[in-house]
Amino acid sequence: MVSHEIFPIVWLTLRVSGTAVILSAAAGIPLGAYLGLSSHVLARVLRWMAHVGMALPPVVVGLALYLLLSRSGPLGGLGWLFSPQAMIAAQTILALPFVVAIAASAVRAVPHGLAEQLRALGASPRQVRRSILFEARQGMALAVAAAFGRSISEVGAVLIVGGNIAGHTRVLTTAIVLETSQGRFAMALALGTALLAIAAAANAVIFVFQSRTGMP
């Protein structure tokens, strides 16, 4: 009975968080790489904003999205409120600053002498950028891992915009809160175990990737 209740929750959790990670990585890694390579004043401002965004309170993000997606809000016509789409949007917003900030820091951590050496060997600007990004691949993997951790552990924002509706918007974190409040500790522990297993599996994938690419 417990497993029958858990599987749909786990599947929705993976679908929502996985989509949020893909979206945040697709937008955040190129932006972070650009900001890391650029020395323009605007790039420094955007890097600072990304670091500030890492501390965004989830409940504030949830409230802002709720107001935008409510019937009287500017995006109410989308009909996303209390849906997986709204939860994906919330998790993407929360994960994106992590991807941008970590990716930019990884690129900037590459020794500056590498670019000079490559130019001296006749490398084109495009080849130089590609080499720098390749050297920063460990940071890129860390950015994706941080985005996944931020997404899958989120409670406040997804609870506000998702509503924790059984069979529709109930994910592992919100289900754990509900089951604990109702005194169903066996179910809460089972859900918590599933959440830990997913997190461990995701980190194992990152570890294997690092090992196969020769990362420390």
N, C-alpha and C. Protein backbone atom coordinates (compact mmCIF):
# COMPACT_ATOMS: atom_id res chain seq x y z
N MET A 1 0.83 -1.21 0.00
CA MET A 1 0.00 0.00 0.00
C MET A 1 0.86 1.25 0.00
N VAL A 2 1.90 1.21 0.85
CA VAL A 2 2.80 2.37 0.94
C VAL A 2 3.50 2.60 -0.39
N SER A 3 4.02 1.49 -0.99
CA SER A 3 4.73 1.63 -2.27
C SER A 3 3.80 2.14 -3.37
N HIS A 4 2.52 1.71 -3.32
CA HIS A 4 1.54 2.17 -4.31
C HIS A 4 1.34 3.68 -4.20
N GLU A 5 1.43 4.23 -3.00
CA GLU A 5 1.28 5.68 -2.81
C GLU A 5 2.55 6.42 -3.18
N ILE A 6 3.70 5.79 -2.99
CA ILE A 6 4.98 6.48 -3.16
C ILE A 6 5.34 6.65 -4.63
N PHE A 7 5.13 5.64 -5.45
CA PHE A 7 5.60 5.67 -6.83
C PHE A 7 5.12 6.88 -7.63
N PRO A 8 3.82 7.24 -7.58
CA PRO A 8 3.39 8.43 -8.33
C PRO A 8 4.06 9.71 -7.82
N ILE A 9 4.29 9.77 -6.51
CA ILE A 9 4.94 10.96 -5.93
C ILE A 9 6.38 11.04 -6.39
N VAL A 10 7.07 9.90 -6.39
CA VAL A 10 8.47 9.87 -6.84
C VAL A 10 8.56 10.27 -8.31
N TRP A 11 7.65 9.73 -9.13
CA TRP A 11 7.68 10.03 -10.56
C TRP A 11 7.46 11.52 -10.82
N LEU A 12 6.49 12.11 -10.13
CA LEU A 12 6.24 13.54 -10.32
C LEU A 12 7.43 14.36 -9.82
N THR A 13 8.04 13.94 -8.73
CA THR A 13 9.23 14.64 -8.21
C THR A 13 10.34 14.64 -9.24
N LEU A 14 10.61 13.48 -9.84
CA LEU A 14 11.67 13.38 -10.84
C LEU A 14 11.33 14.21 -12.07
N ARG A 15 10.07 14.19 -12.47
CA ARG A 15 9.65 14.94 -13.67
C ARG A 15 9.78 16.44 -13.45
N VAL A 16 9.30 16.91 -12.31
CA VAL A 16 9.34 18.35 -12.03
C VAL A 16 10.78 18.82 -11.83
N SER A 17 11.52 18.15 -10.95
CA SER A 17 12.88 18.59 -10.65
C SER A 17 13.81 18.37 -11.84
N GLY A 18 13.62 17.25 -12.56
CA GLY A 18 14.46 17.01 -13.73
C GLY A 18 14.26 18.06 -14.80
N THR A 19 13.02 18.43 -15.05
CA THR A 19 12.74 19.48 -16.04
C THR A 19 13.33 20.82 -15.60
N ALA A 20 13.20 21.13 -14.31
CA ALA A 20 13.75 22.38 -13.80
C ALA A 20 15.27 22.43 -13.94
N VAL A 21 15.93 21.30 -13.70
CA VAL A 21 17.38 21.25 -13.83
C VAL A 21 17.79 21.42 -15.29
N ILE A 22 17.09 20.75 -16.20
CA ILE A 22 17.40 20.88 -17.62
C ILE A 22 17.25 22.33 -18.09
N LEU A 23 16.16 22.96 -17.68
CA LEU A 23 15.91 24.35 -18.09
C LEU A 23 16.94 25.30 -17.49
N SER A 24 17.23 25.14 -16.20
CA SER A 24 18.19 26.03 -15.55
C SER A 24 19.60 25.83 -16.08
N ALA A 25 19.96 24.57 -16.40
CA ALA A 25 21.28 24.30 -16.97
C ALA A 25 21.40 24.82 -18.39
N ALA A 26 20.33 24.63 -19.18
CA ALA A 26 20.35 25.09 -20.56
C ALA A 26 20.52 26.60 -20.66
N ALA A 27 19.91 27.33 -19.73
CA ALA A 27 20.03 28.78 -19.73
C ALA A 27 21.23 29.26 -18.92
N GLY A 28 21.49 28.59 -17.80
CA GLY A 28 22.50 29.08 -16.85
C GLY A 28 23.94 28.80 -17.23
N ILE A 29 24.22 27.64 -17.82
CA ILE A 29 25.61 27.32 -18.16
C ILE A 29 26.16 28.24 -19.25
N PRO A 30 25.44 28.46 -20.36
CA PRO A 30 25.96 29.42 -21.34
C PRO A 30 26.10 30.84 -20.78
N LEU A 31 25.10 31.25 -19.98
CA LEU A 31 25.18 32.60 -19.40
C LEU A 31 26.33 32.69 -18.41
N GLY A 32 26.48 31.68 -17.57
CA GLY A 32 27.57 31.68 -16.61
C GLY A 32 28.93 31.66 -17.29
N ALA A 33 29.04 30.87 -18.36
CA ALA A 33 30.31 30.83 -19.09
C ALA A 33 30.63 32.19 -19.71
N TYR A 34 29.62 32.84 -20.27
CA TYR A 34 29.83 34.17 -20.85
C TYR A 34 30.26 35.17 -19.79
N LEU A 35 29.58 35.14 -18.65
CA LEU A 35 29.91 36.08 -17.58
C LEU A 35 31.30 35.80 -17.01
N GLY A 36 31.69 34.52 -16.99
CA GLY A 36 33.01 34.19 -16.50
C GLY A 36 34.12 34.63 -17.44
N LEU A 37 33.84 34.61 -18.73
CA LEU A 37 34.84 35.00 -19.72
C LEU A 37 34.92 36.51 -19.89
N SER A 38 33.83 37.21 -19.57
CA SER A 38 33.78 38.65 -19.79
C SER A 38 34.35 39.44 -18.62
N SER A 39 35.02 40.54 -18.93
CA SER A 39 35.54 41.44 -17.89
C SER A 39 34.78 42.76 -17.88
N HIS A 40 33.68 42.83 -18.59
CA HIS A 40 32.87 44.04 -18.66
C HIS A 40 32.23 44.32 -17.30
N VAL A 41 31.97 45.60 -17.03
CA VAL A 41 31.36 45.99 -15.76
C VAL A 41 29.99 45.34 -15.59
N LEU A 42 29.22 45.28 -16.67
CA LEU A 42 27.90 44.67 -16.60
C LEU A 42 28.00 43.19 -16.22
N ALA A 43 29.03 42.53 -16.71
CA ALA A 43 29.22 41.11 -16.38
C ALA A 43 29.48 40.96 -14.88
N ARG A 44 30.25 41.87 -14.31
CA ARG A 44 30.51 41.80 -12.87
C ARG A 44 29.23 42.03 -12.07
N VAL A 45 28.40 42.94 -12.54
CA VAL A 45 27.13 43.21 -11.87
C VAL A 45 26.23 41.97 -11.93
N LEU A 46 26.18 41.34 -13.10
CA LEU A 46 25.33 40.16 -13.26
C LEU A 46 25.85 38.99 -12.43
N ARG A 47 27.17 38.87 -12.30
CA ARG A 47 27.73 37.82 -11.44
C ARG A 47 27.34 38.06 -9.99
N TRP A 48 27.38 39.31 -9.59
CA TRP A 48 26.96 39.66 -8.22
C TRP A 48 25.48 39.35 -8.02
N MET A 49 24.67 39.67 -9.01
CA MET A 49 23.24 39.40 -8.91
C MET A 49 22.97 37.89 -8.82
N ALA A 50 23.76 37.10 -9.53
CA ALA A 50 23.59 35.65 -9.46
C ALA A 50 23.90 35.13 -8.07
N HIS A 51 24.94 35.67 -7.45
CA HIS A 51 25.28 35.26 -6.08
C HIS A 51 24.19 35.68 -5.10
N VAL A 52 23.64 36.85 -5.30
CA VAL A 52 22.53 37.30 -4.46
C VAL A 52 21.33 36.38 -4.66
N GLY A 53 21.09 35.98 -5.91
CA GLY A 53 19.96 35.11 -6.21
C GLY A 53 20.04 33.75 -5.55
N MET A 54 21.25 33.32 -5.19
CA MET A 54 21.41 32.04 -4.51
C MET A 54 20.76 32.05 -3.13
N ALA A 55 20.54 33.23 -2.60
CA ALA A 55 19.92 33.36 -1.27
C ALA A 55 18.44 33.73 -1.35
N LEU A 56 17.84 33.61 -2.53
CA LEU A 56 16.42 33.94 -2.67
C LEU A 56 15.57 33.07 -1.73
N PRO A 57 14.73 33.68 -0.89
CA PRO A 57 13.84 32.88 -0.04
C PRO A 57 12.79 32.17 -0.89
N PRO A 58 12.69 30.85 -0.81
CA PRO A 58 11.73 30.12 -1.64
C PRO A 58 10.29 30.59 -1.48
N VAL A 59 9.91 30.94 -0.25
CA VAL A 59 8.52 31.35 -0.04
C VAL A 59 8.23 32.68 -0.75
N VAL A 60 9.23 33.53 -0.85
CA VAL A 60 9.04 34.80 -1.57
C VAL A 60 8.88 34.54 -3.06
N VAL A 61 9.69 33.63 -3.59
CA VAL A 61 9.56 33.25 -5.00
C VAL A 61 8.18 32.63 -5.24
N GLY A 62 7.75 31.77 -4.32
CA GLY A 62 6.43 31.17 -4.45
C GLY A 62 5.32 32.19 -4.41
N LEU A 63 5.43 33.16 -3.52
CA LEU A 63 4.42 34.21 -3.43
C LEU A 63 4.37 35.05 -4.69
N ALA A 64 5.55 35.42 -5.21
CA ALA A 64 5.60 36.23 -6.44
C ALA A 64 4.97 35.47 -7.60
N LEU A 65 5.30 34.19 -7.73
CA LEU A 65 4.71 33.39 -8.81
C LEU A 65 3.20 33.22 -8.63
N TYR A 66 2.79 33.05 -7.38
CA TYR A 66 1.35 32.92 -7.11
C TYR A 66 0.60 34.15 -7.59
N LEU A 67 1.13 35.33 -7.28
CA LEU A 67 0.48 36.57 -7.70
C LEU A 67 0.48 36.72 -9.21
N LEU A 68 1.56 36.29 -9.86
CA LEU A 68 1.64 36.38 -11.32
C LEU A 68 0.68 35.41 -12.01
N LEU A 69 0.53 34.21 -11.41
CA LEU A 69 -0.24 33.16 -12.05
C LEU A 69 -1.70 33.09 -11.61
N SER A 70 -2.05 33.88 -10.60
CA SER A 70 -3.44 33.87 -10.13
C SER A 70 -4.36 34.45 -11.21
N ARG A 71 -5.63 34.24 -11.06
CA ARG A 71 -6.58 34.67 -12.09
C ARG A 71 -6.51 36.16 -12.38
N SER A 72 -6.22 36.95 -11.34
CA SER A 72 -6.14 38.39 -11.53
C SER A 72 -4.73 38.85 -11.88
N GLY A 73 -3.78 37.92 -11.96
CA GLY A 73 -2.40 38.26 -12.27
C GLY A 73 -2.16 38.37 -13.76
N PRO A 74 -1.02 38.94 -14.15
CA PRO A 74 -0.72 39.14 -15.58
C PRO A 74 -0.54 37.84 -16.35
N LEU A 75 -0.20 36.75 -15.67
CA LEU A 75 -0.01 35.46 -16.34
C LEU A 75 -1.12 34.47 -16.01
N GLY A 76 -2.22 34.99 -15.49
CA GLY A 76 -3.32 34.11 -15.09
C GLY A 76 -3.92 33.33 -16.24
N GLY A 77 -3.82 33.87 -17.45
CA GLY A 77 -4.38 33.20 -18.61
C GLY A 77 -3.70 31.88 -18.94
N LEU A 78 -2.49 31.66 -18.42
CA LEU A 78 -1.79 30.41 -18.69
C LEU A 78 -2.45 29.23 -17.99
N GLY A 79 -3.14 29.51 -16.90
CA GLY A 79 -3.78 28.43 -16.15
C GLY A 79 -2.79 27.51 -15.47
N TRP A 80 -1.65 28.03 -15.06
CA TRP A 80 -0.59 27.21 -14.47
C TRP A 80 -0.69 27.06 -12.96
N LEU A 81 -1.44 27.92 -12.31
CA LEU A 81 -1.48 27.87 -10.85
C LEU A 81 -2.00 26.51 -10.38
N PHE A 82 -1.34 25.96 -9.35
CA PHE A 82 -1.65 24.62 -8.82
C PHE A 82 -1.49 23.54 -9.90
N SER A 83 -0.39 23.64 -10.63
CA SER A 83 -0.08 22.66 -11.66
C SER A 83 1.42 22.36 -11.62
N PRO A 84 1.85 21.23 -12.22
CA PRO A 84 3.28 20.94 -12.28
C PRO A 84 4.07 22.02 -13.01
N GLN A 85 3.45 22.68 -13.99
CA GLN A 85 4.16 23.75 -14.71
C GLN A 85 4.59 24.87 -13.77
N ALA A 86 3.71 25.24 -12.86
CA ALA A 86 4.05 26.29 -11.90
C ALA A 86 5.18 25.84 -10.98
N MET A 87 5.17 24.58 -10.60
CA MET A 87 6.23 24.04 -9.74
C MET A 87 7.56 24.02 -10.48
N ILE A 88 7.53 23.66 -11.76
CA ILE A 88 8.76 23.68 -12.56
C ILE A 88 9.30 25.10 -12.67
N ALA A 89 8.41 26.06 -12.89
CA ALA A 89 8.84 27.46 -12.98
C ALA A 89 9.49 27.91 -11.68
N ALA A 90 8.90 27.56 -10.54
CA ALA A 90 9.45 27.95 -9.24
C ALA A 90 10.82 27.34 -9.03
N GLN A 91 10.96 26.06 -9.33
CA GLN A 91 12.24 25.39 -9.12
C GLN A 91 13.31 25.91 -10.08
N THR A 92 12.91 26.23 -11.30
CA THR A 92 13.86 26.77 -12.27
C THR A 92 14.39 28.12 -11.82
N ILE A 93 13.50 28.97 -11.33
CA ILE A 93 13.91 30.29 -10.84
C ILE A 93 14.88 30.16 -9.67
N LEU A 94 14.63 29.22 -8.79
CA LEU A 94 15.48 29.04 -7.63
C LEU A 94 16.81 28.39 -7.98
N ALA A 95 16.83 27.52 -8.99
CA ALA A 95 18.06 26.82 -9.35
C ALA A 95 18.96 27.63 -10.28
N LEU A 96 18.37 28.50 -11.10
CA LEU A 96 19.13 29.24 -12.10
C LEU A 96 20.29 30.04 -11.52
N PRO A 97 20.11 30.81 -10.44
CA PRO A 97 21.26 31.56 -9.91
C PRO A 97 22.42 30.67 -9.49
N PHE A 98 22.14 29.47 -8.99
CA PHE A 98 23.20 28.54 -8.62
C PHE A 98 24.02 28.13 -9.85
N VAL A 99 23.33 27.82 -10.93
CA VAL A 99 24.02 27.40 -12.15
C VAL A 99 24.88 28.53 -12.68
N VAL A 100 24.30 29.72 -12.77
CA VAL A 100 25.02 30.86 -13.33
C VAL A 100 26.24 31.20 -12.47
N ALA A 101 26.06 31.31 -11.17
CA ALA A 101 27.15 31.71 -10.29
C ALA A 101 28.27 30.68 -10.26
N ILE A 102 27.93 29.41 -10.15
CA ILE A 102 28.96 28.37 -10.08
C ILE A 102 29.67 28.21 -11.42
N ALA A 103 28.92 28.26 -12.52
CA ALA A 103 29.55 28.16 -13.84
C ALA A 103 30.50 29.33 -14.09
N ALA A 104 30.08 30.53 -13.74
CA ALA A 104 30.94 31.70 -13.92
C ALA A 104 32.19 31.60 -13.07
N SER A 105 32.04 31.16 -11.82
CA SER A 105 33.19 31.01 -10.93
C SER A 105 34.15 29.95 -11.44
N ALA A 106 33.60 28.86 -12.00
CA ALA A 106 34.45 27.80 -12.54
C ALA A 106 35.28 28.29 -13.71
N VAL A 107 34.67 29.08 -14.58
CA VAL A 107 35.40 29.62 -15.73
C VAL A 107 36.48 30.59 -15.27
N ARG A 108 36.16 31.43 -14.31
CA ARG A 108 37.13 32.41 -13.82
C ARG A 108 38.25 31.76 -13.02
N ALA A 109 38.02 30.55 -12.55
CA ALA A 109 39.05 29.85 -11.78
C ALA A 109 40.11 29.21 -12.68
N VAL A 110 39.84 29.12 -13.97
CA VAL A 110 40.83 28.59 -14.91
C VAL A 110 42.01 29.56 -14.97
N PRO A 111 43.24 29.09 -14.83
CA PRO A 111 44.41 29.99 -14.84
C PRO A 111 44.43 30.89 -16.08
N HIS A 112 44.68 32.17 -15.84
CA HIS A 112 44.69 33.13 -16.95
C HIS A 112 45.81 32.82 -17.95
N GLY A 113 46.88 32.20 -17.47
CA GLY A 113 47.99 31.89 -18.36
C GLY A 113 47.64 30.91 -19.46
N LEU A 114 46.57 30.12 -19.26
CA LEU A 114 46.18 29.15 -20.27
C LEU A 114 45.78 29.84 -21.56
N ALA A 115 44.99 30.89 -21.46
CA ALA A 115 44.55 31.61 -22.66
C ALA A 115 45.75 32.21 -23.40
N GLU A 116 46.70 32.76 -22.65
CA GLU A 116 47.88 33.34 -23.29
C GLU A 116 48.71 32.29 -24.00
N GLN A 117 48.86 31.12 -23.37
CA GLN A 117 49.61 30.04 -23.99
C GLN A 117 48.96 29.57 -25.27
N LEU A 118 47.64 29.44 -25.23
CA LEU A 118 46.92 28.98 -26.42
C LEU A 118 47.02 29.99 -27.56
N ARG A 119 46.93 31.28 -27.23
CA ARG A 119 47.07 32.31 -28.26
C ARG A 119 48.47 32.28 -28.86
N ALA A 120 49.48 32.04 -28.00
CA ALA A 120 50.86 31.98 -28.49
C ALA A 120 51.08 30.81 -29.44
N LEU A 121 50.28 29.76 -29.25
CA LEU A 121 50.38 28.58 -30.12
C LEU A 121 49.53 28.72 -31.39
N GLY A 122 48.87 29.87 -31.52
CA GLY A 122 48.10 30.14 -32.72
C GLY A 122 46.64 29.77 -32.66
N ALA A 123 46.11 29.52 -31.46
CA ALA A 123 44.70 29.15 -31.32
C ALA A 123 43.82 30.37 -31.61
N SER A 124 42.69 30.11 -32.24
CA SER A 124 41.73 31.17 -32.52
C SER A 124 40.97 31.51 -31.23
N PRO A 125 40.30 32.69 -31.19
CA PRO A 125 39.52 33.04 -30.00
C PRO A 125 38.49 31.98 -29.64
N ARG A 126 37.87 31.37 -30.65
CA ARG A 126 36.87 30.33 -30.40
C ARG A 126 37.52 29.11 -29.76
N GLN A 127 38.69 28.73 -30.24
CA GLN A 127 39.39 27.59 -29.68
C GLN A 127 39.84 27.86 -28.25
N VAL A 128 40.22 29.10 -27.99
CA VAL A 128 40.62 29.48 -26.63
C VAL A 128 39.43 29.33 -25.69
N ARG A 129 38.26 29.84 -26.09
CA ARG A 129 37.07 29.74 -25.26
C ARG A 129 36.68 28.29 -25.00
N ARG A 130 36.75 27.48 -26.05
CA ARG A 130 36.39 26.07 -25.90
C ARG A 130 37.34 25.37 -24.93
N SER A 131 38.61 25.69 -25.00
CA SER A 131 39.58 25.07 -24.10
C SER A 131 39.34 25.49 -22.66
N ILE A 132 39.01 26.76 -22.46
CA ILE A 132 38.74 27.24 -21.11
C ILE A 132 37.50 26.56 -20.54
N LEU A 133 36.47 26.44 -21.36
CA LEU A 133 35.24 25.78 -20.90
C LEU A 133 35.49 24.31 -20.60
N PHE A 134 36.36 23.67 -21.39
CA PHE A 134 36.68 22.26 -21.12
C PHE A 134 37.40 22.13 -19.78
N GLU A 135 38.30 23.05 -19.49
CA GLU A 135 39.01 23.01 -18.21
C GLU A 135 38.07 23.28 -17.04
N ALA A 136 36.98 23.98 -17.31
CA ALA A 136 36.02 24.32 -16.25
C ALA A 136 34.90 23.30 -16.13
N ARG A 137 35.05 22.13 -16.75
CA ARG A 137 33.97 21.15 -16.80
C ARG A 137 33.59 20.63 -15.41
N GLN A 138 34.55 20.56 -14.49
CA GLN A 138 34.22 20.11 -13.15
C GLN A 138 33.24 21.07 -12.49
N GLY A 139 33.47 22.36 -12.67
CA GLY A 139 32.56 23.35 -12.12
C GLY A 139 31.19 23.29 -12.76
N MET A 140 31.15 22.98 -14.06
CA MET A 140 29.87 22.86 -14.75
C MET A 140 29.07 21.69 -14.18
N ALA A 141 29.76 20.57 -13.91
CA ALA A 141 29.09 19.43 -13.31
C ALA A 141 28.59 19.77 -11.91
N LEU A 142 29.40 20.52 -11.18
CA LEU A 142 28.98 20.95 -9.84
C LEU A 142 27.77 21.88 -9.92
N ALA A 143 27.71 22.72 -10.94
CA ALA A 143 26.57 23.62 -11.11
C ALA A 143 25.28 22.84 -11.32
N VAL A 144 25.36 21.79 -12.14
CA VAL A 144 24.18 20.95 -12.38
C VAL A 144 23.77 20.22 -11.11
N ALA A 145 24.75 19.71 -10.37
CA ALA A 145 24.45 19.01 -9.12
C ALA A 145 23.81 19.94 -8.11
N ALA A 146 24.31 21.18 -8.03
CA ALA A 146 23.73 22.15 -7.11
C ALA A 146 22.30 22.51 -7.51
N ALA A 147 22.07 22.61 -8.81
CA ALA A 147 20.71 22.91 -9.30
C ALA A 147 19.75 21.78 -8.94
N PHE A 148 20.21 20.54 -9.09
CA PHE A 148 19.35 19.41 -8.76
C PHE A 148 19.07 19.37 -7.25
N GLY A 149 20.10 19.62 -6.45
CA GLY A 149 19.89 19.62 -5.00
C GLY A 149 18.93 20.72 -4.57
N ARG A 150 19.07 21.89 -5.16
CA ARG A 150 18.17 23.00 -4.85
C ARG A 150 16.74 22.68 -5.25
N SER A 151 16.58 22.04 -6.41
CA SER A 151 15.24 21.77 -6.94
C SER A 151 14.53 20.68 -6.15
N ILE A 152 15.21 19.55 -5.97
CA ILE A 152 14.52 18.40 -5.39
C ILE A 152 14.25 18.56 -3.90
N SER A 153 14.98 19.47 -3.24
CA SER A 153 14.77 19.68 -1.80
C SER A 153 13.81 20.83 -1.50
N GLU A 154 13.28 21.46 -2.54
CA GLU A 154 12.42 22.64 -2.36
C GLU A 154 11.05 22.26 -1.78
N VAL A 155 10.61 23.09 -0.83
CA VAL A 155 9.31 22.88 -0.19
C VAL A 155 8.40 24.10 -0.34
N GLY A 156 8.87 25.23 0.16
CA GLY A 156 8.01 26.41 0.29
C GLY A 156 7.38 26.89 -0.99
N ALA A 157 8.21 27.10 -2.03
CA ALA A 157 7.68 27.66 -3.28
C ALA A 157 6.73 26.69 -3.97
N VAL A 158 7.10 25.40 -4.02
CA VAL A 158 6.24 24.45 -4.71
C VAL A 158 4.95 24.20 -3.94
N LEU A 159 4.99 24.36 -2.63
CA LEU A 159 3.78 24.20 -1.84
C LEU A 159 2.80 25.34 -2.12
N ILE A 160 3.33 26.55 -2.30
CA ILE A 160 2.47 27.71 -2.56
C ILE A 160 1.86 27.65 -3.95
N VAL A 161 2.66 27.37 -4.97
CA VAL A 161 2.15 27.41 -6.34
C VAL A 161 1.58 26.08 -6.80
N GLY A 162 1.93 24.98 -6.08
CA GLY A 162 1.43 23.67 -6.47
C GLY A 162 0.23 23.23 -5.68
N GLY A 163 0.16 23.64 -4.42
CA GLY A 163 -0.99 23.31 -3.59
C GLY A 163 -0.96 21.93 -2.95
N ASN A 164 0.07 21.10 -3.27
CA ASN A 164 0.19 19.77 -2.67
C ASN A 164 -1.08 18.94 -2.90
N ILE A 165 -1.57 18.92 -4.14
CA ILE A 165 -2.78 18.19 -4.49
C ILE A 165 -2.44 16.74 -4.78
N ALA A 166 -3.10 15.83 -4.09
CA ALA A 166 -2.83 14.40 -4.25
C ALA A 166 -3.04 13.95 -5.69
N GLY A 167 -2.05 13.25 -6.22
CA GLY A 167 -2.15 12.74 -7.58
C GLY A 167 -1.93 13.77 -8.66
N HIS A 168 -1.64 15.01 -8.29
CA HIS A 168 -1.50 16.07 -9.29
C HIS A 168 -0.27 16.92 -9.06
N THR A 169 -0.09 17.45 -7.85
CA THR A 169 1.07 18.31 -7.57
C THR A 169 1.80 17.91 -6.29
N ARG A 170 1.59 16.72 -5.83
CA ARG A 170 2.24 16.29 -4.58
C ARG A 170 3.59 15.64 -4.90
N VAL A 171 4.67 16.29 -4.43
CA VAL A 171 6.02 15.76 -4.62
C VAL A 171 6.56 15.28 -3.28
N LEU A 172 7.76 14.75 -3.27
CA LEU A 172 8.30 14.12 -2.07
C LEU A 172 8.38 15.07 -0.88
N THR A 173 8.90 16.26 -1.11
CA THR A 173 9.09 17.19 0.01
C THR A 173 7.76 17.63 0.62
N THR A 174 6.80 17.98 -0.23
CA THR A 174 5.50 18.42 0.30
C THR A 174 4.74 17.25 0.92
N ALA A 175 4.93 16.06 0.36
CA ALA A 175 4.27 14.88 0.93
C ALA A 175 4.84 14.56 2.31
N ILE A 176 6.14 14.73 2.48
CA ILE A 176 6.76 14.49 3.80
C ILE A 176 6.20 15.44 4.84
N VAL A 177 6.05 16.70 4.48
CA VAL A 177 5.47 17.68 5.40
C VAL A 177 4.05 17.28 5.79
N LEU A 178 3.26 16.89 4.80
CA LEU A 178 1.87 16.51 5.06
C LEU A 178 1.78 15.27 5.94
N GLU A 179 2.54 14.23 5.59
CA GLU A 179 2.47 12.98 6.35
C GLU A 179 2.96 13.17 7.79
N THR A 180 3.97 13.99 7.97
CA THR A 180 4.47 14.26 9.33
C THR A 180 3.42 15.01 10.14
N SER A 181 2.76 15.99 9.53
CA SER A 181 1.73 16.76 10.25
C SER A 181 0.54 15.89 10.62
N GLN A 182 0.30 14.82 9.84
CA GLN A 182 -0.82 13.93 10.12
C GLN A 182 -0.42 12.76 11.03
N GLY A 183 0.83 12.71 11.42
CA GLY A 183 1.29 11.65 12.31
C GLY A 183 1.55 10.32 11.63
N ARG A 184 1.61 10.32 10.30
CA ARG A 184 1.90 9.09 9.56
C ARG A 184 3.41 8.99 9.35
N PHE A 185 4.11 8.67 10.43
CA PHE A 185 5.57 8.73 10.40
C PHE A 185 6.19 7.63 9.55
N ALA A 186 5.55 6.46 9.46
CA ALA A 186 6.08 5.39 8.61
C ALA A 186 6.10 5.83 7.15
N MET A 187 5.01 6.46 6.72
CA MET A 187 4.95 6.95 5.35
C MET A 187 5.95 8.08 5.14
N ALA A 188 6.06 8.98 6.12
CA ALA A 188 7.00 10.08 6.02
C ALA A 188 8.43 9.57 5.91
N LEU A 189 8.76 8.54 6.69
CA LEU A 189 10.11 7.96 6.64
C LEU A 189 10.35 7.28 5.30
N ALA A 190 9.34 6.61 4.76
CA ALA A 190 9.49 5.96 3.46
C ALA A 190 9.73 7.01 2.36
N LEU A 191 9.00 8.10 2.43
CA LEU A 191 9.19 9.18 1.47
C LEU A 191 10.57 9.82 1.62
N GLY A 192 10.99 10.00 2.87
CA GLY A 192 12.31 10.56 3.12
C GLY A 192 13.42 9.66 2.60
N THR A 193 13.24 8.36 2.76
CA THR A 193 14.22 7.40 2.24
C THR A 193 14.31 7.49 0.72
N ALA A 194 13.14 7.60 0.08
CA ALA A 194 13.12 7.72 -1.38
C ALA A 194 13.82 9.00 -1.82
N LEU A 195 13.61 10.09 -1.10
CA LEU A 195 14.25 11.36 -1.44
C LEU A 195 15.76 11.26 -1.29
N LEU A 196 16.22 10.63 -0.22
CA LEU A 196 17.66 10.46 -0.01
C LEU A 196 18.26 9.56 -1.09
N ALA A 197 17.53 8.52 -1.48
CA ALA A 197 18.03 7.62 -2.51
C ALA A 197 18.20 8.33 -3.84
N ILE A 198 17.24 9.18 -4.19
CA ILE A 198 17.34 9.94 -5.44
C ILE A 198 18.53 10.90 -5.39
N ALA A 199 18.69 11.59 -4.27
CA ALA A 199 19.81 12.52 -4.13
C ALA A 199 21.15 11.79 -4.22
N ALA A 200 21.24 10.61 -3.58
CA ALA A 200 22.47 9.83 -3.61
C ALA A 200 22.77 9.35 -5.03
N ALA A 201 21.73 8.91 -5.74
CA ALA A 201 21.92 8.44 -7.12
C ALA A 201 22.39 9.57 -8.03
N ALA A 202 21.82 10.74 -7.86
CA ALA A 202 22.23 11.88 -8.69
C ALA A 202 23.68 12.26 -8.43
N ASN A 203 24.08 12.26 -7.17
CA ASN A 203 25.47 12.58 -6.85
C ASN A 203 26.42 11.49 -7.32
N ALA A 204 25.96 10.23 -7.34
CA ALA A 204 26.79 9.15 -7.85
C ALA A 204 27.06 9.33 -9.34
N VAL A 205 26.04 9.79 -10.07
CA VAL A 205 26.21 10.05 -11.50
C VAL A 205 27.26 11.14 -11.72
N ILE A 206 27.19 12.20 -10.93
CA ILE A 206 28.18 13.28 -11.04
C ILE A 206 29.57 12.77 -10.71
N PHE A 207 29.67 11.92 -9.68
CA PHE A 207 30.97 11.37 -9.28
C PHE A 207 31.57 10.52 -10.39
N VAL A 208 30.74 9.68 -11.01
CA VAL A 208 31.22 8.84 -12.10
C VAL A 208 31.67 9.70 -13.27
N PHE A 209 30.91 10.74 -13.56
CA PHE A 209 31.28 11.65 -14.65
C PHE A 209 32.64 12.29 -14.37
N GLN A 210 32.85 12.73 -13.15
CA GLN A 210 34.12 13.34 -12.78
C GLN A 210 35.26 12.35 -12.91
N SER A 211 35.03 11.12 -12.49
CA SER A 211 36.08 10.10 -12.54
C SER A 211 36.46 9.77 -13.98
N ARG A 212 35.48 9.65 -14.86
CA ARG A 212 35.74 9.27 -16.24
C ARG A 212 36.37 10.39 -17.06
N THR A 213 36.19 11.62 -16.62
CA THR A 213 36.79 12.74 -17.35
C THR A 213 38.09 13.20 -16.72
N GLY A 214 38.58 12.43 -15.77
CA GLY A 214 39.88 12.73 -15.17
C GLY A 214 39.86 13.87 -14.19
N MET A 215 38.71 14.17 -13.60
CA MET A 215 38.62 15.25 -12.62
C MET A 215 39.05 14.73 -11.26
N PRO A 216 39.59 15.62 -10.41
CA PRO A 216 39.99 15.20 -9.08
C PRO A 216 38.78 14.92 -8.22
